[in-house]
């Protein structure tokens, strides 16, 4: 996850900068399902992870990693999308951007 965030923030010359997002309740449910833990515990772990990552990013790069959403060429809410749909949206946007040119 961190490397994906890094790519959007740090690679100014990337062909396409993509930011994947989902509401906190969806992300917490995914954590709970993956780790087989109660949703309350997953939410607590997610909150702590985000707090630590935001502090680390601020210290290392001088920005809040959530600011990358503003830097992205494409923002995708992954809440109700399969990986195939997400990849399709990225490919479509990349093709559109390449057709437009610089």
C-alpha atoms as a PDB file:
ATOM      1  CA  UNK A   1       0.000   0.000   0.000  1.00  0.00           C
ATOM      2  CA  UNK A   2       2.661   2.521   0.968  1.00  0.00           C
ATOM      3  CA  UNK A   3       4.533   2.072  -2.311  1.00  0.00           C
ATOM      4  CA  UNK A   4       1.379   2.924  -4.260  1.00  0.00           C
ATOM      5  CA  UNK A   5       0.927   6.083  -2.248  1.00  0.00           C
ATOM      6  CA  UNK A   6       4.577   6.912  -2.784  1.00  0.00           C
ATOM      7  CA  UNK A   7       4.268   6.516  -6.544  1.00  0.00           C
ATOM      8  CA  UNK A   8       1.500   9.091  -6.830  1.00  0.00           C
ATOM      9  CA  UNK A   9       3.247  11.648  -4.658  1.00  0.00           C
ATOM     10  CA  UNK A  10       6.802  11.301  -5.811  1.00  0.00           C
ATOM     11  CA  UNK A  11       6.788  10.417  -9.518  1.00  0.00           C
ATOM     12  CA  UNK A  12       5.933  13.716 -11.150  1.00  0.00           C
ATOM     13  CA  UNK A  13       6.704  12.263 -14.594  1.00  0.00           C
ATOM     14  CA  UNK A  14       4.412   9.218 -14.337  1.00  0.00           C
ATOM     15  CA  UNK A  15       2.241   8.599 -17.392  1.00  0.00           C
ATOM     16  CA  UNK A  16      -0.799   8.341 -15.134  1.00  0.00           C
ATOM     17  CA  UNK A  17      -1.195   8.992 -11.427  1.00  0.00           C
ATOM     18  CA  UNK A  18      -4.007   6.934  -9.891  1.00  0.00           C
ATOM     19  CA  UNK A  19      -5.442   7.249  -6.397  1.00  0.00           C
ATOM     20  CA  UNK A  20      -7.554   4.364  -5.109  1.00  0.00           C
ATOM     21  CA  UNK A  21      -9.963   5.144  -2.323  1.00  0.00           C
ATOM     22  CA  UNK A  22     -12.897   3.710  -0.391  1.00  0.00           C
ATOM     23  CA  UNK A  23     -14.924   4.914   2.584  1.00  0.00           C
ATOM     24  CA  UNK A  24     -13.532   3.996   5.983  1.00  0.00           C
ATOM     25  CA  UNK A  25     -16.370   1.595   6.782  1.00  0.00           C
ATOM     26  CA  UNK A  26     -15.659  -0.391   3.610  1.00  0.00           C
ATOM     27  CA  UNK A  27     -11.927  -0.479   4.319  1.00  0.00           C
ATOM     28  CA  UNK A  28     -12.563  -1.583   7.912  1.00  0.00           C
ATOM     29  CA  UNK A  29     -14.846  -4.370   6.683  1.00  0.00           C
ATOM     30  CA  UNK A  30     -12.127  -5.522   4.306  1.00  0.00           C
ATOM     31  CA  UNK A  31      -9.617  -5.582   7.189  1.00  0.00           C
ATOM     32  CA  UNK A  32     -12.080  -7.514   9.356  1.00  0.00           C
ATOM     33  CA  UNK A  33     -12.705 -10.075   6.617  1.00  0.00           C
ATOM     34  CA  UNK A  34      -9.032 -10.458   5.760  1.00  0.00           C
ATOM     35  CA  UNK A  35      -7.829 -10.773   9.352  1.00  0.00           C
ATOM     36  CA  UNK A  36     -10.937 -12.548  10.653  1.00  0.00           C
ATOM     37  CA  UNK A  37     -11.420 -10.003  13.443  1.00  0.00           C
ATOM     38  CA  UNK A  38     -14.465  -8.068  14.687  1.00  0.00           C
ATOM     39  CA  UNK A  39     -15.302  -4.889  12.766  1.00  0.00           C
ATOM     40  CA  UNK A  40     -14.689  -2.736  15.868  1.00  0.00           C
ATOM     41  CA  UNK A  41     -11.162  -4.104  16.198  1.00  0.00           C
ATOM     42  CA  UNK A  42     -10.532  -3.656  12.479  1.00  0.00           C
ATOM     43  CA  UNK A  43     -11.726  -0.050  12.656  1.00  0.00           C
ATOM     44  CA  UNK A  44      -9.418   0.634  15.590  1.00  0.00           C
ATOM     45  CA  UNK A  45      -6.448  -0.925  13.776  1.00  0.00           C
ATOM     46  CA  UNK A  46      -7.220   1.033  10.611  1.00  0.00           C
ATOM     47  CA  UNK A  47      -7.440   4.307  12.543  1.00  0.00           C
ATOM     48  CA  UNK A  48      -4.069   3.646  14.190  1.00  0.00           C
ATOM     49  CA  UNK A  49      -2.430   2.620  10.904  1.00  0.00           C
ATOM     50  CA  UNK A  50      -3.662   5.778   9.189  1.00  0.00           C
ATOM     51  CA  UNK A  51      -2.523   7.979  12.064  1.00  0.00           C
ATOM     52  CA  UNK A  52       0.971   6.494  11.984  1.00  0.00           C
ATOM     53  CA  UNK A  53       1.228   6.660   8.187  1.00  0.00           C
ATOM     54  CA  UNK A  54       0.107  10.273   8.082  1.00  0.00           C
ATOM     55  CA  UNK A  55       2.688  11.197  10.723  1.00  0.00           C
ATOM     56  CA  UNK A  56       5.422   9.296   8.860  1.00  0.00           C
ATOM     57  CA  UNK A  57       4.559  10.891   5.525  1.00  0.00           C
ATOM     58  CA  UNK A  58       4.483  14.354   7.041  1.00  0.00           C
ATOM     59  CA  UNK A  59       7.907  13.757   8.582  1.00  0.00           C
ATOM     60  CA  UNK A  60       9.520  12.052   5.552  1.00  0.00           C
ATOM     61  CA  UNK A  61       7.962  13.926   2.635  1.00  0.00           C
ATOM     62  CA  UNK A  62       6.401  17.028   4.137  1.00  0.00           C
ATOM     63  CA  UNK A  63       2.901  16.123   3.012  1.00  0.00           C
ATOM     64  CA  UNK A  64      -0.185  14.305   4.132  1.00  0.00           C
ATOM     65  CA  UNK A  65      -0.466  11.216   1.946  1.00  0.00           C
ATOM     66  CA  UNK A  66      -4.161  11.947   1.495  1.00  0.00           C
ATOM     67  CA  UNK A  67      -3.141  15.080  -0.424  1.00  0.00           C
ATOM     68  CA  UNK A  68      -2.193  12.745  -3.259  1.00  0.00           C
ATOM     69  CA  UNK A  69      -5.835  12.499  -4.205  1.00  0.00           C
ATOM     70  CA  UNK A  70      -5.517  16.088  -5.470  1.00  0.00           C
ATOM     71  CA  UNK A  71      -2.370  15.176  -7.437  1.00  0.00           C
ATOM     72  CA  UNK A  72      -3.935  12.187  -9.190  1.00  0.00           C
ATOM     73  CA  UNK A  73      -5.068  12.124 -12.798  1.00  0.00           C
ATOM     74  CA  UNK A  74      -7.646   9.510 -11.858  1.00  0.00           C
ATOM     75  CA  UNK A  75      -9.382   8.841  -8.542  1.00  0.00           C
ATOM     76  CA  UNK A  76     -11.247   5.557  -8.248  1.00  0.00           C
ATOM     77  CA  UNK A  77     -13.623   4.668  -5.438  1.00  0.00           C
ATOM     78  CA  UNK A  78     -13.061   0.925  -5.097  1.00  0.00           C
ATOM     79  CA  UNK A  79     -16.057   0.342  -2.807  1.00  0.00           C
ATOM     80  CA  UNK A  80     -18.152  -1.686  -5.213  1.00  0.00           C
ATOM     81  CA  UNK A  81     -15.683  -2.453  -7.982  1.00  0.00           C
ATOM     82  CA  UNK A  82     -13.831  -5.617  -8.819  1.00  0.00           C
ATOM     83  CA  UNK A  83     -10.116  -5.526  -9.582  1.00  0.00           C
ATOM     84  CA  UNK A  84     -10.933  -6.137 -13.264  1.00  0.00           C
ATOM     85  CA  UNK A  85     -13.208  -3.093 -13.392  1.00  0.00           C
ATOM     86  CA  UNK A  86     -10.585  -0.952 -11.663  1.00  0.00           C
ATOM     87  CA  UNK A  87      -7.869  -2.068 -14.079  1.00  0.00           C
ATOM     88  CA  UNK A  88     -10.206  -1.381 -16.991  1.00  0.00           C
ATOM     89  CA  UNK A  89     -10.807   2.174 -15.791  1.00  0.00           C
ATOM     90  CA  UNK A  90      -7.069   2.747 -15.439  1.00  0.00           C
ATOM     91  CA  UNK A  91      -6.337   1.403 -18.924  1.00  0.00           C
ATOM     92  CA  UNK A  92      -9.131   3.518 -20.436  1.00  0.00           C
ATOM     93  CA  UNK A  93      -7.823   6.675 -18.762  1.00  0.00           C
ATOM     94  CA  UNK A  94      -4.252   5.910 -19.799  1.00  0.00           C
ATOM     95  CA  UNK A  95      -5.340   5.460 -23.431  1.00  0.00           C
ATOM     96  CA  UNK A  96      -7.333   8.715 -23.322  1.00  0.00           C
ATOM     97  CA  UNK A  97      -4.371  10.575 -21.874  1.00  0.00           C
ATOM     98  CA  UNK A  98      -1.952   9.178 -24.472  1.00  0.00           C
ATOM     99  CA  UNK A  99      -4.347  10.099 -27.314  1.00  0.00           C
ATOM    100  CA  UNK A 100      -4.500  13.695 -26.068  1.00  0.00           C
ATOM    101  CA  UNK A 101      -0.739  13.941 -25.889  1.00  0.00           C
ATOM    102  CA  UNK A 102       1.269  16.267 -23.634  1.00  0.00           C
END
